[in-house]
PDB file of all heavy atoms in Angstrom:
ATOM      1  N   CYS A   1      -3.036  -7.135   6.184  1.00  0.00           N
ATOM      2  CA  CYS A   1      -2.442  -5.948   6.792  1.00  0.00           C
ATOM      3  C   CYS A   1      -3.519  -5.266   7.708  1.00  0.00           C
ATOM      4  O   CYS A   1      -4.423  -4.616   7.158  1.00  0.00           O
ATOM      5  CB  CYS A   1      -1.966  -4.958   5.801  1.00  0.00           C
ATOM      6  SG  CYS A   1      -1.323  -3.374   6.585  1.00  0.00           S
ATOM      7  N   ALA A   2      -3.311  -5.393   8.980  1.00  0.00           N
ATOM      8  CA  ALA A   2      -4.260  -4.924   9.945  1.00  0.00           C
ATOM      9  C   ALA A   2      -3.782  -3.561  10.390  1.00  0.00           C
ATOM     10  O   ALA A   2      -2.701  -3.422  10.945  1.00  0.00           O
ATOM     11  CB  ALA A   2      -4.414  -5.832  11.123  1.00  0.00           C
ATOM     12  N   ALA A   3      -4.582  -2.548  10.314  1.00  0.00           N
ATOM     13  CA  ALA A   3      -4.348  -1.239  10.651  1.00  0.00           C
ATOM     14  C   ALA A   3      -4.985  -0.882  12.097  1.00  0.00           C
ATOM     15  O   ALA A   3      -6.145  -1.176  12.228  1.00  0.00           O
ATOM     16  CB  ALA A   3      -4.619  -0.271   9.661  1.00  0.00           C
ATOM     17  N   SER A   4      -4.292   0.028  12.845  1.00  0.00           N
ATOM     18  CA  SER A   4      -4.870   0.451  14.070  1.00  0.00           C
ATOM     19  C   SER A   4      -4.290   1.924  14.189  1.00  0.00           C
ATOM     20  O   SER A   4      -3.309   2.312  13.659  1.00  0.00           O
ATOM     21  CB  SER A   4      -4.498  -0.431  15.235  1.00  0.00           C
ATOM     22  OG  SER A   4      -3.146  -0.516  15.453  1.00  0.00           O
ATOM     23  N   GLY A   5      -4.899   2.674  15.154  1.00  0.00           N
ATOM     24  CA  GLY A   5      -4.580   4.028  15.460  1.00  0.00           C
ATOM     25  C   GLY A   5      -5.385   4.962  14.604  1.00  0.00           C
ATOM     26  O   GLY A   5      -6.657   4.835  14.605  1.00  0.00           O
ATOM     27  N   SER A   6      -4.796   5.988  14.065  1.00  0.00           N
ATOM     28  CA  SER A   6      -5.539   7.061  13.348  1.00  0.00           C
ATOM     29  C   SER A   6      -5.995   6.701  12.020  1.00  0.00           C
ATOM     30  O   SER A   6      -5.591   7.123  11.036  1.00  0.00           O
ATOM     31  CB  SER A   6      -4.765   8.303  13.358  1.00  0.00           C
ATOM     32  OG  SER A   6      -4.435   8.679  14.612  1.00  0.00           O
ATOM     33  N   ILE A   7      -6.749   5.561  11.859  1.00  0.00           N
ATOM     34  CA  ILE A   7      -7.066   4.962  10.671  1.00  0.00           C
ATOM     35  C   ILE A   7      -7.915   5.970   9.683  1.00  0.00           C
ATOM     36  O   ILE A   7      -7.898   5.783   8.593  1.00  0.00           O
ATOM     37  CB  ILE A   7      -7.678   3.586  10.764  1.00  0.00           C
ATOM     38  CG1 ILE A   7      -8.957   3.619  11.630  1.00  0.00           C
ATOM     39  CG2 ILE A   7      -6.678   2.608  11.324  1.00  0.00           C
ATOM     40  CD1 ILE A   7      -9.663   2.358  11.825  1.00  0.00           C
ATOM     41  N   PHE A   8      -8.657   6.766  10.417  1.00  0.00           N
ATOM     42  CA  PHE A   8      -9.556   7.740   9.677  1.00  0.00           C
ATOM     43  C   PHE A   8      -8.820   8.769   8.856  1.00  0.00           C
ATOM     44  O   PHE A   8      -9.325   9.339   7.999  1.00  0.00           O
ATOM     45  CB  PHE A   8     -10.555   8.357  10.674  1.00  0.00           C
ATOM     46  CG  PHE A   8      -9.743   9.268  11.674  1.00  0.00           C
ATOM     47  CD1 PHE A   8      -9.570  10.578  11.504  1.00  0.00           C
ATOM     48  CD2 PHE A   8      -9.300   8.726  12.864  1.00  0.00           C
ATOM     49  CE1 PHE A   8      -8.953  11.391  12.420  1.00  0.00           C
ATOM     50  CE2 PHE A   8      -8.687   9.463  13.760  1.00  0.00           C
ATOM     51  CZ  PHE A   8      -8.483  10.878  13.578  1.00  0.00           C
ATOM     52  N   LYS A   9      -7.561   8.802   9.224  1.00  0.00           N
ATOM     53  CA  LYS A   9      -6.727   9.752   8.495  1.00  0.00           C
ATOM     54  C   LYS A   9      -6.025   9.145   7.177  1.00  0.00           C
ATOM     55  O   LYS A   9      -5.293   9.752   6.427  1.00  0.00           O
ATOM     56  CB  LYS A   9      -5.662  10.388   9.313  1.00  0.00           C
ATOM     57  CG  LYS A   9      -6.192  11.258  10.504  1.00  0.00           C
ATOM     58  CD  LYS A   9      -5.160  11.783  11.288  1.00  0.00           C
ATOM     59  CE  LYS A   9      -5.653  12.646  12.374  1.00  0.00           C
ATOM     60  NZ  LYS A   9      -4.542  13.166  13.265  1.00  0.00           N
ATOM     61  N   ILE A  10      -6.179   7.862   7.027  1.00  0.00           N
ATOM     62  CA  ILE A  10      -5.508   7.131   5.922  1.00  0.00           C
ATOM     63  C   ILE A  10      -6.077   7.497   4.664  1.00  0.00           C
ATOM     64  O   ILE A  10      -7.328   7.381   4.422  1.00  0.00           O
ATOM     65  CB  ILE A  10      -5.631   5.628   6.125  1.00  0.00           C
ATOM     66  CG1 ILE A  10      -4.795   5.180   7.392  1.00  0.00           C
ATOM     67  CG2 ILE A  10      -5.037   4.909   4.773  1.00  0.00           C
ATOM     68  CD1 ILE A  10      -4.896   3.678   7.668  1.00  0.00           C
ATOM     69  N   ASN A  11      -5.239   7.942   3.631  1.00  0.00           N
ATOM     70  CA  ASN A  11      -5.781   8.357   2.315  1.00  0.00           C
ATOM     71  C   ASN A  11      -5.844   7.070   1.381  1.00  0.00           C
ATOM     72  O   ASN A  11      -6.760   6.902   0.671  1.00  0.00           O
ATOM     73  CB  ASN A  11      -4.845   9.320   1.689  1.00  0.00           C
ATOM     74  CG  ASN A  11      -4.971  10.676   2.371  1.00  0.00           C
ATOM     75  OD1 ASN A  11      -6.041  11.137   2.712  1.00  0.00           O
ATOM     76  ND2 ASN A  11      -3.863  11.393   2.594  1.00  0.00           N
ATOM     77  N   ALA A  12      -4.741   6.284   1.520  1.00  0.00           N
ATOM     78  CA  ALA A  12      -4.653   5.069   0.582  1.00  0.00           C
ATOM     79  C   ALA A  12      -3.769   4.143   1.388  1.00  0.00           C
ATOM     80  O   ALA A  12      -2.889   4.474   2.180  1.00  0.00           O
ATOM     81  CB  ALA A  12      -4.104   5.429  -0.732  1.00  0.00           C
ATOM     82  N   MET A  13      -3.791   2.869   0.973  1.00  0.00           N
ATOM     83  CA  MET A  13      -2.968   1.888   1.487  1.00  0.00           C
ATOM     84  C   MET A  13      -2.332   1.081   0.278  1.00  0.00           C
ATOM     85  O   MET A  13      -2.924   0.993  -0.762  1.00  0.00           O
ATOM     86  CB  MET A  13      -3.703   1.013   2.510  1.00  0.00           C
ATOM     87  CG  MET A  13      -4.094   1.751   3.696  1.00  0.00           C
ATOM     88  SD  MET A  13      -4.778   0.532   4.971  1.00  0.00           S
ATOM     89  CE  MET A  13      -3.349  -0.294   5.480  1.00  0.00           C
ATOM     90  N   GLY A  14      -1.179   0.386   0.615  1.00  0.00           N
ATOM     91  CA  GLY A  14      -0.674  -0.283  -0.455  1.00  0.00           C
ATOM     92  C   GLY A  14       0.334  -1.382  -0.067  1.00  0.00           C
ATOM     93  O   GLY A  14       0.586  -1.465   1.143  1.00  0.00           O
ATOM     94  N   TRP A  15       0.697  -2.212  -1.037  1.00  0.00           N
ATOM     95  CA  TRP A  15       1.642  -3.294  -0.687  1.00  0.00           C
ATOM     96  C   TRP A  15       2.819  -2.990  -1.628  1.00  0.00           C
ATOM     97  O   TRP A  15       2.810  -2.638  -2.736  1.00  0.00           O
ATOM     98  CB  TRP A  15       1.079  -4.738  -1.072  1.00  0.00           C
ATOM     99  CG  TRP A  15       0.079  -5.088  -0.138  1.00  0.00           C
ATOM    100  CD1 TRP A  15      -1.264  -5.000  -0.224  1.00  0.00           C
ATOM    101  CD2 TRP A  15       0.298  -5.783   1.092  1.00  0.00           C
ATOM    102  NE1 TRP A  15      -1.851  -5.542   0.907  1.00  0.00           N
ATOM    103  CE2 TRP A  15      -0.864  -6.117   1.662  1.00  0.00           C
ATOM    104  CE3 TRP A  15       1.499  -6.308   1.727  1.00  0.00           C
ATOM    105  CZ2 TRP A  15      -1.128  -6.823   2.928  1.00  0.00           C
ATOM    106  CZ3 TRP A  15       1.430  -6.901   2.963  1.00  0.00           C
ATOM    107  CH2 TRP A  15       0.042  -7.160   3.513  1.00  0.00           C
ATOM    108  N   TYR A  16       4.043  -3.174  -1.000  1.00  0.00           N
ATOM    109  CA  TYR A  16       5.229  -3.029  -1.670  1.00  0.00           C
ATOM    110  C   TYR A  16       6.145  -4.236  -1.461  1.00  0.00           C
ATOM    111  O   TYR A  16       5.903  -4.916  -0.463  1.00  0.00           O
ATOM    112  CB  TYR A  16       6.033  -1.710  -1.117  1.00  0.00           C
ATOM    113  CG  TYR A  16       5.237  -0.514  -1.483  1.00  0.00           C
ATOM    114  CD1 TYR A  16       4.128  -0.009  -0.759  1.00  0.00           C
ATOM    115  CD2 TYR A  16       5.762   0.415  -2.448  1.00  0.00           C
ATOM    116  CE1 TYR A  16       3.399   1.127  -1.120  1.00  0.00           C
ATOM    117  CE2 TYR A  16       5.045   1.572  -2.887  1.00  0.00           C
ATOM    118  CZ  TYR A  16       3.948   1.801  -2.185  1.00  0.00           C
ATOM    119  OH  TYR A  16       3.317   3.098  -2.443  1.00  0.00           O
ATOM    120  N   ARG A  17       7.123  -4.506  -2.139  1.00  0.00           N
ATOM    121  CA  ARG A  17       8.069  -5.639  -1.908  1.00  0.00           C
ATOM    122  C   ARG A  17       9.493  -5.314  -2.165  1.00  0.00           C
ATOM    123  O   ARG A  17       9.687  -4.395  -3.076  1.00  0.00           O
ATOM    124  CB  ARG A  17       7.606  -6.871  -2.723  1.00  0.00           C
ATOM    125  CG  ARG A  17       7.784  -6.692  -4.279  1.00  0.00           C
ATOM    126  CD  ARG A  17       7.126  -7.844  -4.974  1.00  0.00           C
ATOM    127  NE  ARG A  17       7.270  -7.751  -6.451  1.00  0.00           N
ATOM    128  CZ  ARG A  17       6.684  -8.612  -7.270  1.00  0.00           C
ATOM    129  NH1 ARG A  17       5.958  -9.586  -6.943  1.00  0.00           N
ATOM    130  NH2 ARG A  17       6.937  -8.388  -8.555  1.00  0.00           N
ATOM    131  N   GLN A  18      10.319  -5.964  -1.551  1.00  0.00           N
ATOM    132  CA  GLN A  18      11.809  -5.783  -1.698  1.00  0.00           C
ATOM    133  C   GLN A  18      12.358  -7.127  -1.749  1.00  0.00           C
ATOM    134  O   GLN A  18      12.338  -7.849  -0.804  1.00  0.00           O
ATOM    135  CB  GLN A  18      12.302  -4.881  -0.671  1.00  0.00           C
ATOM    136  CG  GLN A  18      13.798  -4.487  -0.913  1.00  0.00           C
ATOM    137  CD  GLN A  18      14.322  -3.375   0.000  1.00  0.00           C
ATOM    138  OE1 GLN A  18      13.746  -3.128   0.913  1.00  0.00           O
ATOM    139  NE2 GLN A  18      15.409  -2.787  -0.532  1.00  0.00           N
ATOM    140  N   ALA A  19      13.083  -7.433  -2.963  1.00  0.00           N
ATOM    141  CA  ALA A  19      13.799  -8.660  -3.039  1.00  0.00           C
ATOM    142  C   ALA A  19      15.190  -8.466  -2.665  1.00  0.00           C
ATOM    143  O   ALA A  19      15.728  -7.282  -2.721  1.00  0.00           O
ATOM    144  CB  ALA A  19      13.679  -9.265  -4.353  1.00  0.00           C
ATOM    145  N   PRO A  20      15.967  -9.488  -2.246  1.00  0.00           N
ATOM    146  CA  PRO A  20      17.377  -9.231  -1.951  1.00  0.00           C
ATOM    147  C   PRO A  20      18.131  -8.549  -3.084  1.00  0.00           C
ATOM    148  O   PRO A  20      18.140  -8.975  -4.226  1.00  0.00           O
ATOM    149  CB  PRO A  20      17.825 -10.667  -1.705  1.00  0.00           C
ATOM    150  CG  PRO A  20      16.629 -11.398  -1.233  1.00  0.00           C
ATOM    151  CD  PRO A  20      15.704 -10.810  -2.091  1.00  0.00           C
ATOM    152  N   GLY A  21      18.868  -7.456  -2.780  1.00  0.00           N
ATOM    153  CA  GLY A  21      19.811  -6.835  -3.660  1.00  0.00           C
ATOM    154  C   GLY A  21      18.905  -5.918  -4.676  1.00  0.00           C
ATOM    155  O   GLY A  21      19.576  -5.450  -5.664  1.00  0.00           O
ATOM    156  N   LYS A  22      17.708  -5.715  -4.346  1.00  0.00           N
ATOM    157  CA  LYS A  22      16.968  -4.933  -5.277  1.00  0.00           C
ATOM    158  C   LYS A  22      16.195  -3.793  -4.505  1.00  0.00           C
ATOM    159  O   LYS A  22      16.062  -3.843  -3.309  1.00  0.00           O
ATOM    160  CB  LYS A  22      15.864  -5.828  -6.053  1.00  0.00           C
ATOM    161  CG  LYS A  22      16.400  -6.840  -6.961  1.00  0.00           C
ATOM    162  CD  LYS A  22      15.259  -7.452  -7.813  1.00  0.00           C
ATOM    163  CE  LYS A  22      15.882  -8.557  -8.782  1.00  0.00           C
ATOM    164  NZ  LYS A  22      14.860  -9.089  -9.604  1.00  0.00           N
ATOM    165  N   GLN A  23      15.838  -2.809  -5.237  1.00  0.00           N
ATOM    166  CA  GLN A  23      15.091  -1.672  -4.608  1.00  0.00           C
ATOM    167  C   GLN A  23      13.692  -2.183  -4.347  1.00  0.00           C
ATOM    168  O   GLN A  23      13.017  -3.001  -5.014  1.00  0.00           O
ATOM    169  CB  GLN A  23      15.128  -0.544  -5.585  1.00  0.00           C
ATOM    170  CG  GLN A  23      16.444   0.223  -5.668  1.00  0.00           C
ATOM    171  CD  GLN A  23      16.418   1.582  -6.441  1.00  0.00           C
ATOM    172  OE1 GLN A  23      15.479   1.616  -7.319  1.00  0.00           O
ATOM    173  NE2 GLN A  23      17.240   2.430  -6.085  1.00  0.00           N
ATOM    174  N   ARG A  24      13.096  -1.514  -3.293  1.00  0.00           N
ATOM    175  CA  ARG A  24      11.615  -1.628  -2.973  1.00  0.00           C
ATOM    176  C   ARG A  24      10.744  -1.309  -4.157  1.00  0.00           C
ATOM    177  O   ARG A  24      11.018  -0.164  -4.731  1.00  0.00           O
ATOM    178  CB  ARG A  24      11.311  -0.925  -1.687  1.00  0.00           C
ATOM    179  CG  ARG A  24       9.952  -1.159  -1.232  1.00  0.00           C
ATOM    180  CD  ARG A  24       9.708  -0.665   0.103  1.00  0.00           C
ATOM    181  NE  ARG A  24      10.042   0.813   0.327  1.00  0.00           N
ATOM    182  CZ  ARG A  24      10.265   1.293   1.330  1.00  0.00           C
ATOM    183  NH1 ARG A  24      10.184   0.673   2.535  1.00  0.00           N
ATOM    184  NH2 ARG A  24      10.523   2.675   1.376  1.00  0.00           N
ATOM    185  N   GLU A  25       9.741  -2.045  -4.509  1.00  0.00           N
ATOM    186  CA  GLU A  25       8.905  -1.635  -5.596  1.00  0.00           C
ATOM    187  C   GLU A  25       7.390  -1.745  -5.232  1.00  0.00           C
ATOM    188  O   GLU A  25       7.043  -2.425  -4.340  1.00  0.00           O
ATOM    189  CB  GLU A  25       9.149  -2.564  -6.816  1.00  0.00           C
ATOM    190  CG  GLU A  25       8.920  -4.030  -6.545  1.00  0.00           C
ATOM    191  CD  GLU A  25       9.043  -4.910  -7.853  1.00  0.00           C
ATOM    192  OE1 GLU A  25       9.288  -4.306  -8.955  1.00  0.00           O
ATOM    193  OE2 GLU A  25       8.869  -6.140  -7.796  1.00  0.00           O
ATOM    194  N   LEU A  26       6.587  -0.928  -5.904  1.00  0.00           N
ATOM    195  CA  LEU A  26       5.291  -0.922  -5.748  1.00  0.00           C
ATOM    196  C   LEU A  26       4.614  -2.161  -6.268  1.00  0.00           C
ATOM    197  O   LEU A  26       5.041  -2.653  -7.346  1.00  0.00           O
ATOM    198  CB  LEU A  26       4.629   0.186  -6.460  1.00  0.00           C
ATOM    199  CG  LEU A  26       3.109   0.260  -6.551  1.00  0.00           C
ATOM    200  CD1 LEU A  26       2.469   0.599  -5.192  1.00  0.00           C
ATOM    201  CD2 LEU A  26       2.673   1.262  -7.568  1.00  0.00           C
ATOM    202  N   VAL A  27       3.679  -2.768  -5.482  1.00  0.00           N
ATOM    203  CA  VAL A  27       2.941  -3.961  -5.944  1.00  0.00           C
ATOM    204  C   VAL A  27       1.495  -3.562  -6.246  1.00  0.00           C
ATOM    205  O   VAL A  27       1.036  -3.812  -7.391  1.00  0.00           O
ATOM    206  CB  VAL A  27       2.936  -5.104  -4.866  1.00  0.00           C
ATOM    207  CG1 VAL A  27       2.099  -6.273  -5.402  1.00  0.00           C
ATOM    208  CG2 VAL A  27       4.401  -5.585  -4.574  1.00  0.00           C
ATOM    209  N   ALA A  28       0.805  -2.992  -5.284  1.00  0.00           N
ATOM    210  CA  ALA A  28      -0.542  -2.569  -5.555  1.00  0.00           C
ATOM    211  C   ALA A  28      -0.899  -1.469  -4.610  1.00  0.00           C
ATOM    212  O   ALA A  28      -0.455  -1.558  -3.459  1.00  0.00           O
ATOM    213  CB  ALA A  28      -1.518  -3.834  -5.535  1.00  0.00           C
ATOM    214  N   THR A  29      -1.942  -0.669  -4.832  1.00  0.00           N
ATOM    215  CA  THR A  29      -2.494   0.345  -3.994  1.00  0.00           C
ATOM    216  C   THR A  29      -3.877   0.331  -4.046  1.00  0.00           C
ATOM    217  O   THR A  29      -4.527  -0.209  -5.155  1.00  0.00           O
ATOM    218  CB  THR A  29      -1.885   1.715  -4.215  1.00  0.00           C
ATOM    219  OG1 THR A  29      -2.268   2.134  -5.553  1.00  0.00           O
ATOM    220  CG2 THR A  29      -0.323   1.781  -4.139  1.00  0.00           C
ATOM    221  N   ILE A  30      -4.585   0.766  -2.932  1.00  0.00           N
ATOM    222  CA  ILE A  30      -6.013   1.072  -3.027  1.00  0.00           C
ATOM    223  C   ILE A  30      -6.430   2.343  -2.256  1.00  0.00           C
ATOM    224  O   ILE A  30      -5.847   2.458  -1.142  1.00  0.00           O
ATOM    225  CB  ILE A  30      -6.837  -0.233  -2.396  1.00  0.00           C
ATOM    226  CG1 ILE A  30      -8.262  -0.083  -2.528  1.00  0.00           C
ATOM    227  CG2 ILE A  30      -6.323  -0.460  -0.967  1.00  0.00           C
ATOM    228  CD1 ILE A  30      -9.035  -1.320  -2.223  1.00  0.00           C
ATOM    229  N   THR A  31      -7.104   3.183  -2.836  1.00  0.00           N
ATOM    230  CA  THR A  31      -7.531   4.396  -2.251  1.00  0.00           C
ATOM    231  C   THR A  31      -8.623   4.233  -1.301  1.00  0.00           C
ATOM    232  O   THR A  31      -9.295   3.228  -1.234  1.00  0.00           O
ATOM    233  CB  THR A  31      -7.928   5.454  -3.214  1.00  0.00           C
ATOM    234  OG1 THR A  31      -9.106   5.059  -3.831  1.00  0.00           O
ATOM    235  CG2 THR A  31      -6.709   5.568  -4.216  1.00  0.00           C
ATOM    236  N   ARG A  32      -8.820   5.269  -0.537  1.00  0.00           N
ATOM    237  CA  ARG A  32     -10.042   5.299   0.434  1.00  0.00           C
ATOM    238  C   ARG A  32     -11.371   4.959  -0.387  1.00  0.00           C
ATOM    239  O   ARG A  32     -12.247   4.348   0.205  1.00  0.00           O
ATOM    240  CB  ARG A  32     -10.173   6.576   1.181  1.00  0.00           C
ATOM    241  CG  ARG A  32     -11.274   6.791   2.050  1.00  0.00           C
ATOM    242  CD  ARG A  32     -11.353   8.117   2.736  1.00  0.00           C
ATOM    243  NE  ARG A  32     -10.159   8.387   3.554  1.00  0.00           N
ATOM    244  CZ  ARG A  32     -10.045   9.683   4.086  1.00  0.00           C
ATOM    245  NH1 ARG A  32     -10.923  10.589   3.811  1.00  0.00           N
ATOM    246  NH2 ARG A  32      -8.910   9.926   4.782  1.00  0.00           N
ATOM    247  N   GLY A  33     -11.440   5.511  -1.582  1.00  0.00           N
ATOM    248  CA  GLY A  33     -12.628   5.255  -2.404  1.00  0.00           C
ATOM    249  C   GLY A  33     -12.654   3.981  -3.081  1.00  0.00           C
ATOM    250  O   GLY A  33     -13.659   3.580  -3.765  1.00  0.00           O
ATOM    251  N   GLY A  34     -11.632   3.123  -2.940  1.00  0.00           N
ATOM    252  CA  GLY A  34     -11.590   1.740  -3.532  1.00  0.00           C
ATOM    253  C   GLY A  34     -10.896   1.692  -4.842  1.00  0.00           C
ATOM    254  O   GLY A  34     -10.905   0.504  -5.345  1.00  0.00           O
ATOM    255  N   SER A  35     -10.361   2.754  -5.430  1.00  0.00           N
ATOM    256  CA  SER A  35      -9.615   2.666  -6.555  1.00  0.00           C
ATOM    257  C   SER A  35      -8.415   1.938  -6.380  1.00  0.00           C
ATOM    258  O   SER A  35      -7.682   2.074  -5.436  1.00  0.00           O
ATOM    259  CB  SER A  35      -9.367   3.999  -7.178  1.00  0.00           C
ATOM    260  OG  SER A  35     -10.520   4.721  -7.569  1.00  0.00           O
ATOM    261  N   THR A  36      -8.080   1.049  -7.377  1.00  0.00           N
ATOM    262  CA  THR A  36      -6.843   0.142  -7.299  1.00  0.00           C
ATOM    263  C   THR A  36      -5.878   0.491  -8.358  1.00  0.00           C
ATOM    264  O   THR A  36      -6.205   0.959  -9.405  1.00  0.00           O
ATOM    265  CB  THR A  36      -7.227  -1.313  -7.356  1.00  0.00           C
ATOM    266  OG1 THR A  36      -7.868  -1.557  -8.591  1.00  0.00           O
ATOM    267  CG2 THR A  36      -8.108  -1.609  -6.206  1.00  0.00           C
ATOM    268  N   ASN A  37      -4.592   0.212  -8.071  1.00  0.00           N
ATOM    269  CA  ASN A  37      -3.539   0.375  -9.106  1.00  0.00           C
ATOM    270  C   ASN A  37      -2.584  -0.820  -8.857  1.00  0.00           C
ATOM    271  O   ASN A  37      -2.304  -1.249  -7.661  1.00  0.00           O
ATOM    272  CB  ASN A  37      -2.834   1.750  -8.887  1.00  0.00           C
ATOM    273  CG  ASN A  37      -1.690   1.868  -9.806  1.00  0.00           C
ATOM    274  OD1 ASN A  37      -1.904   1.734 -11.031  1.00  0.00           O
ATOM    275  ND2 ASN A  37      -0.554   2.065  -9.362  1.00  0.00           N
ATOM    276  N   TYR A  38      -2.081  -1.423  -9.943  1.00  0.00           N
ATOM    277  CA  TYR A  38      -1.193  -2.520  -9.800  1.00  0.00           C
ATOM    278  C   TYR A  38       0.110  -2.400 -10.605  1.00  0.00           C
ATOM    279  O   TYR A  38       0.176  -1.715 -11.716  1.00  0.00           O
ATOM    280  CB  TYR A  38      -1.836  -3.818 -10.362  1.00  0.00           C
ATOM    281  CG  TYR A  38      -3.039  -4.200  -9.627  1.00  0.00           C
ATOM    282  CD1 TYR A  38      -4.317  -3.747  -9.988  1.00  0.00           C
ATOM    283  CD2 TYR A  38      -2.861  -5.147  -8.432  1.00  0.00           C
ATOM    284  CE1 TYR A  38      -5.392  -4.199  -9.160  1.00  0.00           C
ATOM    285  CE2 TYR A  38      -3.968  -5.506  -7.735  1.00  0.00           C
ATOM    286  CZ  TYR A  38      -5.217  -5.044  -8.035  1.00  0.00           C
ATOM    287  OH  TYR A  38      -6.396  -5.395  -7.347  1.00  0.00           O
ATOM    288  N   ALA A  39       1.147  -2.927 -10.236  1.00  0.00           N
ATOM    289  CA  ALA A  39       2.458  -3.021 -11.115  1.00  0.00           C
ATOM    290  C   ALA A  39       2.162  -3.945 -12.213  1.00  0.00           C
ATOM    291  O   ALA A  39       1.432  -4.982 -12.148  1.00  0.00           O
ATOM    292  CB  ALA A  39       3.507  -3.580 -10.311  1.00  0.00           C
TER     293      ALA A  39
END
């Protein structure tokens, strides 16, 4: 995932997924400080 624009304002980034007929769900996140979280 390549980011451009006001990237200095980003607090955290993450990946989400949505399967057919299902709600979008969190997969993983990473903060500016490098802390991670996973489903």
